[in-house]
Amino acid sequence: MENNQNIIFSENEIDVELMNKNTTLKAWFELNSKDNFAKKLLYKSIPIHYEFVKYQWVHRSNPTSKTFGRLICVLPNHRIISF
């Protein structure tokens, strides 16, 4: 969101379409099931070697270029999802 505003959903407000959307984390699990090289990498290192294109991780053509990634932390004991 603009200016890093939070959006908070309660459990009964979560859209089914949102739940089925392929996120970077879900795509990472999928990548690990198919790519042996990716299995050796930590989640935070994936943007160095892959880019997220059309809801999937794709191997970078130039992995030496500068990249940055963003991780969002969600604690298991939180009942509210925020992005």
N, C-alpha and C. Protein backbone atom coordinates (compact mmCIF):
# COMPACT_ATOMS: atom_id res chain seq x y z
N MET A 1 0.83 -1.18 0.00
CA MET A 1 0.00 0.00 0.00
C MET A 1 0.88 1.25 0.00
N GLU A 2 0.30 2.32 -0.45
CA GLU A 2 0.99 3.59 -0.47
C GLU A 2 1.40 4.00 0.94
N ASN A 3 2.60 4.51 1.08
CA ASN A 3 3.14 4.95 2.37
C ASN A 3 3.23 3.83 3.40
N ASN A 4 3.41 2.61 2.94
CA ASN A 4 3.55 1.43 3.81
C ASN A 4 2.39 1.28 4.78
N GLN A 5 1.18 1.52 4.33
CA GLN A 5 0.01 1.35 5.17
C GLN A 5 -0.31 -0.13 5.29
N ASN A 6 -0.77 -0.55 6.45
CA ASN A 6 -1.13 -1.93 6.69
C ASN A 6 -2.58 -2.19 6.31
N ILE A 7 -2.82 -3.40 5.85
CA ILE A 7 -4.18 -3.87 5.62
C ILE A 7 -4.36 -5.06 6.54
N ILE A 8 -5.39 -5.06 7.34
CA ILE A 8 -5.61 -6.13 8.30
C ILE A 8 -6.93 -6.81 7.99
N PHE A 9 -6.88 -8.15 7.89
CA PHE A 9 -8.07 -8.96 7.63
C PHE A 9 -8.35 -9.82 8.85
N SER A 10 -9.58 -9.91 9.25
CA SER A 10 -9.93 -10.89 10.27
C SER A 10 -10.22 -12.21 9.55
N GLU A 11 -10.30 -13.29 10.28
CA GLU A 11 -10.46 -14.62 9.67
C GLU A 11 -11.72 -14.71 8.80
N ASN A 12 -12.81 -14.08 9.21
CA ASN A 12 -14.04 -14.18 8.43
C ASN A 12 -14.07 -13.23 7.24
N GLU A 13 -13.06 -12.39 7.08
CA GLU A 13 -13.01 -11.45 5.96
C GLU A 13 -12.05 -11.87 4.86
N ILE A 14 -11.30 -12.94 5.08
CA ILE A 14 -10.30 -13.35 4.09
C ILE A 14 -11.00 -13.89 2.85
N ASP A 15 -10.66 -13.33 1.74
CA ASP A 15 -11.24 -13.70 0.45
C ASP A 15 -10.64 -15.03 -0.02
N VAL A 16 -11.48 -15.92 -0.53
CA VAL A 16 -11.02 -17.22 -1.02
C VAL A 16 -10.04 -17.03 -2.17
N GLU A 17 -10.28 -16.06 -3.01
CA GLU A 17 -9.38 -15.79 -4.13
C GLU A 17 -8.01 -15.37 -3.63
N LEU A 18 -7.98 -14.57 -2.57
CA LEU A 18 -6.71 -14.16 -1.98
C LEU A 18 -5.96 -15.36 -1.42
N MET A 19 -6.67 -16.28 -0.80
CA MET A 19 -6.04 -17.46 -0.23
C MET A 19 -5.45 -18.37 -1.31
N ASN A 20 -6.06 -18.39 -2.49
CA ASN A 20 -5.58 -19.25 -3.57
C ASN A 20 -4.50 -18.60 -4.42
N LYS A 21 -4.24 -17.32 -4.20
CA LYS A 21 -3.23 -16.60 -4.97
C LYS A 21 -1.85 -17.18 -4.68
N ASN A 22 -1.05 -17.34 -5.72
CA ASN A 22 0.29 -17.87 -5.55
C ASN A 22 1.21 -16.76 -5.06
N THR A 23 1.65 -16.85 -3.83
CA THR A 23 2.53 -15.85 -3.22
C THR A 23 3.98 -16.24 -3.45
N THR A 24 4.90 -15.35 -3.09
CA THR A 24 6.32 -15.67 -3.24
C THR A 24 6.69 -16.86 -2.38
N LEU A 25 6.09 -16.99 -1.21
CA LEU A 25 6.40 -18.13 -0.33
C LEU A 25 5.86 -19.43 -0.91
N LYS A 26 4.61 -19.41 -1.37
CA LYS A 26 4.05 -20.62 -1.98
C LYS A 26 4.86 -21.02 -3.22
N ALA A 27 5.24 -20.03 -4.01
CA ALA A 27 6.03 -20.31 -5.21
C ALA A 27 7.42 -20.84 -4.84
N TRP A 28 7.95 -20.42 -3.69
CA TRP A 28 9.24 -20.93 -3.23
C TRP A 28 9.15 -22.41 -2.91
N PHE A 29 8.06 -22.82 -2.25
CA PHE A 29 7.86 -24.24 -1.97
C PHE A 29 7.76 -25.04 -3.27
N GLU A 30 7.06 -24.49 -4.24
CA GLU A 30 6.93 -25.14 -5.55
C GLU A 30 8.30 -25.24 -6.23
N LEU A 31 9.08 -24.17 -6.17
CA LEU A 31 10.42 -24.15 -6.76
C LEU A 31 11.30 -25.22 -6.11
N ASN A 32 11.24 -25.33 -4.80
CA ASN A 32 12.04 -26.32 -4.09
C ASN A 32 11.66 -27.74 -4.44
N SER A 33 10.42 -27.96 -4.82
CA SER A 33 10.00 -29.31 -5.19
C SER A 33 10.51 -29.71 -6.58
N LYS A 34 10.93 -28.71 -7.38
CA LYS A 34 11.35 -28.97 -8.77
C LYS A 34 12.83 -28.72 -9.03
N ASP A 35 13.46 -27.82 -8.30
CA ASP A 35 14.81 -27.34 -8.63
C ASP A 35 15.80 -27.70 -7.52
N ASN A 36 16.75 -28.57 -7.82
CA ASN A 36 17.74 -29.02 -6.83
C ASN A 36 18.63 -27.87 -6.35
N PHE A 37 18.97 -26.94 -7.24
CA PHE A 37 19.79 -25.80 -6.83
C PHE A 37 19.06 -24.95 -5.80
N ALA A 38 17.78 -24.71 -6.03
CA ALA A 38 16.98 -23.88 -5.12
C ALA A 38 16.87 -24.51 -3.74
N LYS A 39 16.90 -25.82 -3.66
CA LYS A 39 16.82 -26.51 -2.37
C LYS A 39 17.98 -26.15 -1.45
N LYS A 40 19.10 -25.75 -2.04
CA LYS A 40 20.30 -25.41 -1.26
C LYS A 40 20.27 -23.97 -0.74
N LEU A 41 19.33 -23.18 -1.22
CA LEU A 41 19.27 -21.76 -0.88
C LEU A 41 18.27 -21.49 0.22
N LEU A 42 18.59 -20.50 1.06
CA LEU A 42 17.62 -20.01 2.02
C LEU A 42 16.61 -19.13 1.29
N TYR A 43 15.44 -18.99 1.88
CA TYR A 43 14.38 -18.19 1.25
C TYR A 43 14.87 -16.77 0.95
N LYS A 44 15.65 -16.19 1.86
CA LYS A 44 16.12 -14.82 1.67
C LYS A 44 17.12 -14.71 0.53
N SER A 45 17.72 -15.81 0.08
CA SER A 45 18.70 -15.79 -1.01
C SER A 45 18.07 -16.03 -2.38
N ILE A 46 16.83 -16.41 -2.42
CA ILE A 46 16.17 -16.71 -3.69
C ILE A 46 16.19 -15.51 -4.65
N PRO A 47 15.90 -14.26 -4.21
CA PRO A 47 15.92 -13.14 -5.16
C PRO A 47 17.27 -12.87 -5.82
N ILE A 48 18.34 -13.39 -5.26
CA ILE A 48 19.66 -13.22 -5.87
C ILE A 48 19.77 -14.06 -7.15
N HIS A 49 19.18 -15.25 -7.13
CA HIS A 49 19.33 -16.19 -8.24
C HIS A 49 18.07 -16.33 -9.09
N TYR A 50 16.93 -15.89 -8.55
CA TYR A 50 15.65 -16.03 -9.25
C TYR A 50 14.89 -14.72 -9.18
N GLU A 51 13.97 -14.52 -10.12
CA GLU A 51 13.08 -13.37 -10.05
C GLU A 51 11.64 -13.88 -10.09
N PHE A 52 10.75 -13.15 -9.45
CA PHE A 52 9.35 -13.55 -9.34
C PHE A 52 8.59 -12.95 -10.51
N VAL A 53 8.23 -13.80 -11.48
CA VAL A 53 7.57 -13.35 -12.70
C VAL A 53 6.28 -14.16 -12.88
N LYS A 54 5.18 -13.48 -13.05
CA LYS A 54 3.88 -14.13 -13.26
C LYS A 54 3.61 -15.21 -12.23
N TYR A 55 3.81 -14.85 -10.96
CA TYR A 55 3.49 -15.70 -9.82
C TYR A 55 4.34 -16.97 -9.72
N GLN A 56 5.55 -16.92 -10.28
CA GLN A 56 6.47 -18.05 -10.10
C GLN A 56 7.91 -17.56 -10.13
N TRP A 57 8.80 -18.31 -9.47
CA TRP A 57 10.22 -17.96 -9.46
C TRP A 57 10.86 -18.48 -10.74
N VAL A 58 11.57 -17.59 -11.45
CA VAL A 58 12.24 -17.91 -12.71
C VAL A 58 13.72 -17.62 -12.54
N HIS A 59 14.56 -18.54 -13.02
CA HIS A 59 16.01 -18.36 -12.88
C HIS A 59 16.45 -17.09 -13.58
N ARG A 60 17.27 -16.28 -12.90
CA ARG A 60 17.75 -15.02 -13.46
C ARG A 60 18.74 -15.28 -14.60
N SER A 61 18.63 -14.48 -15.65
CA SER A 61 19.58 -14.59 -16.75
C SER A 61 20.92 -13.97 -16.38
N ASN A 62 20.91 -12.99 -15.46
CA ASN A 62 22.13 -12.34 -15.02
C ASN A 62 22.14 -12.27 -13.49
N PRO A 63 22.55 -13.37 -12.81
CA PRO A 63 22.49 -13.38 -11.35
C PRO A 63 23.50 -12.44 -10.68
N THR A 64 24.42 -11.87 -11.44
CA THR A 64 25.41 -10.96 -10.85
C THR A 64 24.87 -9.54 -10.70
N SER A 65 23.71 -9.26 -11.31
CA SER A 65 23.15 -7.91 -11.17
C SER A 65 22.67 -7.70 -9.74
N LYS A 66 22.66 -6.45 -9.29
CA LYS A 66 22.25 -6.14 -7.92
C LYS A 66 20.74 -6.35 -7.76
N THR A 67 20.37 -6.97 -6.67
CA THR A 67 18.96 -7.23 -6.39
C THR A 67 18.67 -6.91 -4.93
N PHE A 68 17.41 -6.78 -4.63
CA PHE A 68 17.00 -6.67 -3.23
C PHE A 68 15.66 -7.38 -3.11
N GLY A 69 15.40 -7.89 -1.95
CA GLY A 69 14.14 -8.59 -1.69
C GLY A 69 13.50 -8.07 -0.43
N ARG A 70 12.29 -8.45 -0.20
CA ARG A 70 11.57 -8.01 0.99
C ARG A 70 10.90 -9.23 1.60
N LEU A 71 11.07 -9.41 2.89
CA LEU A 71 10.43 -10.50 3.61
C LEU A 71 9.47 -9.90 4.63
N ILE A 72 8.33 -10.49 4.73
CA ILE A 72 7.34 -10.06 5.71
C ILE A 72 7.23 -11.16 6.75
N CYS A 73 7.37 -10.79 8.00
CA CYS A 73 7.33 -11.75 9.09
C CYS A 73 5.91 -11.85 9.65
N VAL A 74 5.41 -13.08 9.73
CA VAL A 74 4.13 -13.34 10.35
C VAL A 74 4.35 -14.39 11.42
N LEU A 75 4.07 -14.06 12.65
CA LEU A 75 4.27 -14.99 13.74
C LEU A 75 3.09 -15.95 13.83
N PRO A 76 3.36 -17.22 14.13
CA PRO A 76 2.29 -18.23 14.15
C PRO A 76 1.19 -17.95 15.17
N ASN A 77 1.50 -17.23 16.24
CA ASN A 77 0.48 -16.99 17.26
C ASN A 77 -0.42 -15.79 16.94
N HIS A 78 -0.16 -15.08 15.85
CA HIS A 78 -1.02 -13.98 15.45
C HIS A 78 -2.21 -14.51 14.67
N ARG A 79 -3.39 -14.12 15.04
CA ARG A 79 -4.62 -14.58 14.39
C ARG A 79 -5.05 -13.62 13.29
N ILE A 80 -4.37 -12.49 13.15
CA ILE A 80 -4.70 -11.48 12.14
C ILE A 80 -3.59 -11.46 11.11
N ILE A 81 -3.95 -11.46 9.85
CA ILE A 81 -2.97 -11.40 8.77
C ILE A 81 -2.86 -9.95 8.31
N SER A 82 -1.65 -9.43 8.23
CA SER A 82 -1.47 -8.07 7.74
C SER A 82 -0.39 -8.06 6.67
N PHE A 83 -0.54 -7.21 5.67
CA PHE A 83 0.43 -7.08 4.59
C PHE A 83 0.85 -5.65 4.45
